[in-house]
């Protein structure tokens, strides 16, 4: 889905201008956007078919204790970081194979 299909409720800012931002589903029809480097949640995206803008804002207010959401972000970060490291390892291995030939 594109961002046009979501209501966006910002709750923070990325530390850097060119930060990588990832989205992860934290509830049905709700995604958390987080800064990939700091793992801070910076916004929530709400499916427009499920939530109105006012209901989106109410949801954010009622879920101020976002510990479970932060845990999901942490898990997503670890999984993606591991995938990044695996890709680097495979590339380094292929580079060594090519260099030997």
Protein backbone atom coordinates (compact mmCIF):
# COMPACT_ATOMS: atom_id res chain seq x y z
CA UNK A 1 0.00 0.00 0.00
CA UNK A 2 1.18 3.49 -0.70
CA UNK A 3 1.22 6.23 1.94
CA UNK A 4 -1.84 7.77 0.22
CA UNK A 5 -3.91 4.89 1.59
CA UNK A 6 -2.95 5.78 5.17
CA UNK A 7 -3.55 8.47 7.74
CA UNK A 8 -0.18 9.45 9.18
CA UNK A 9 0.14 10.51 12.81
CA UNK A 10 3.65 11.75 13.60
CA UNK A 11 4.98 11.29 17.12
CA UNK A 12 8.65 12.18 16.65
CA UNK A 13 11.42 12.96 14.18
CA UNK A 14 14.38 11.10 12.77
CA UNK A 15 17.75 12.15 14.19
CA UNK A 16 19.28 12.68 10.72
CA UNK A 17 17.88 14.18 7.52
CA UNK A 18 18.65 11.13 5.37
CA UNK A 19 17.57 8.48 7.85
CA UNK A 20 16.27 5.16 6.61
CA UNK A 21 12.68 4.70 7.77
CA UNK A 22 11.06 1.26 7.89
CA UNK A 23 7.43 0.35 8.49
CA UNK A 24 6.27 -2.61 10.55
CA UNK A 25 2.71 -3.73 11.28
CA UNK A 26 1.94 -3.40 14.99
CA UNK A 27 -1.82 -3.98 14.93
CA UNK A 28 -4.48 -4.72 12.36
CA UNK A 29 -4.52 -1.73 10.00
CA UNK A 30 -1.74 0.03 11.95
CA UNK A 31 1.94 0.35 11.04
CA UNK A 32 4.73 1.97 13.00
CA UNK A 33 7.33 3.91 11.02
CA UNK A 34 10.70 3.84 12.71
CA UNK A 35 14.17 5.27 12.22
CA UNK A 36 16.28 2.26 11.22
CA UNK A 37 19.41 3.59 12.93
CA UNK A 38 17.96 4.67 16.28
CA UNK A 39 14.93 2.30 16.26
CA UNK A 40 12.74 5.17 17.49
CA UNK A 41 9.12 5.12 16.33
CA UNK A 42 8.49 8.40 14.50
CA UNK A 43 4.94 7.90 13.18
CA UNK A 44 1.99 5.58 12.94
CA UNK A 45 0.20 4.84 9.67
CA UNK A 46 -3.48 3.91 9.77
CA UNK A 47 -5.36 2.16 6.99
CA UNK A 48 -7.93 4.67 5.69
CA UNK A 49 -10.46 1.88 5.12
CA UNK A 50 -10.37 1.05 8.83
CA UNK A 51 -9.57 4.31 10.63
CA UNK A 52 -10.68 7.91 10.33
CA UNK A 53 -8.08 10.57 11.11
CA UNK A 54 -9.73 11.31 14.46
CA UNK A 55 -9.87 7.60 15.37
CA UNK A 56 -6.18 7.34 14.38
CA UNK A 57 -5.26 10.14 16.77
CA UNK A 58 -7.37 8.56 19.54
CA UNK A 59 -5.56 5.25 18.99
CA UNK A 60 -2.16 6.94 19.38
CA UNK A 61 -3.30 8.68 22.57
CA UNK A 62 -4.65 5.45 24.06
CA UNK A 63 -1.49 3.53 23.14
CA UNK A 64 1.05 5.93 24.64
CA UNK A 65 2.73 3.02 26.37
CA UNK A 66 4.14 1.59 23.19
CA UNK A 67 6.51 -0.92 24.80
CA UNK A 68 5.07 -3.78 22.77
CA UNK A 69 5.41 -1.74 19.57
CA UNK A 70 9.02 -0.93 20.43
CA UNK A 71 9.67 -4.64 21.02
CA UNK A 72 8.32 -5.40 17.54
CA UNK A 73 10.58 -2.70 16.09
CA UNK A 74 13.57 -4.19 17.91
CA UNK A 75 12.79 -7.65 16.53
CA UNK A 76 12.33 -6.30 13.00
CA UNK A 77 15.61 -4.40 13.29
CA UNK A 78 17.54 -7.50 14.38
CA UNK A 79 16.05 -9.61 11.60
CA UNK A 80 16.87 -7.02 8.95
CA UNK A 81 20.35 -6.34 10.35
CA UNK A 82 21.04 -10.08 10.23
CA UNK A 83 19.84 -10.22 6.62
CA UNK A 84 22.13 -7.28 5.78
CA UNK A 85 25.09 -9.06 7.39
CA UNK A 86 24.27 -12.31 5.56
CA UNK A 87 24.23 -10.44 2.25
CA UNK A 88 27.60 -8.87 3.02
CA UNK A 89 29.02 -12.28 3.96
CA UNK A 90 27.74 -13.87 0.73
CA UNK A 91 29.20 -11.05 -1.33
CA UNK A 92 32.57 -11.32 0.43
CA UNK A 93 32.57 -15.10 -0.12
CA UNK A 94 31.75 -14.66 -3.82
CA UNK A 95 34.47 -12.02 -4.14
CA UNK A 96 37.00 -14.50 -2.71
CA UNK A 97 35.86 -17.23 -5.11
CA UNK A 98 36.12 -14.90 -8.10
CA UNK A 99 39.54 -13.66 -6.94
CA UNK A 100 40.86 -17.25 -6.78
CA UNK A 101 39.83 -17.93 -10.39
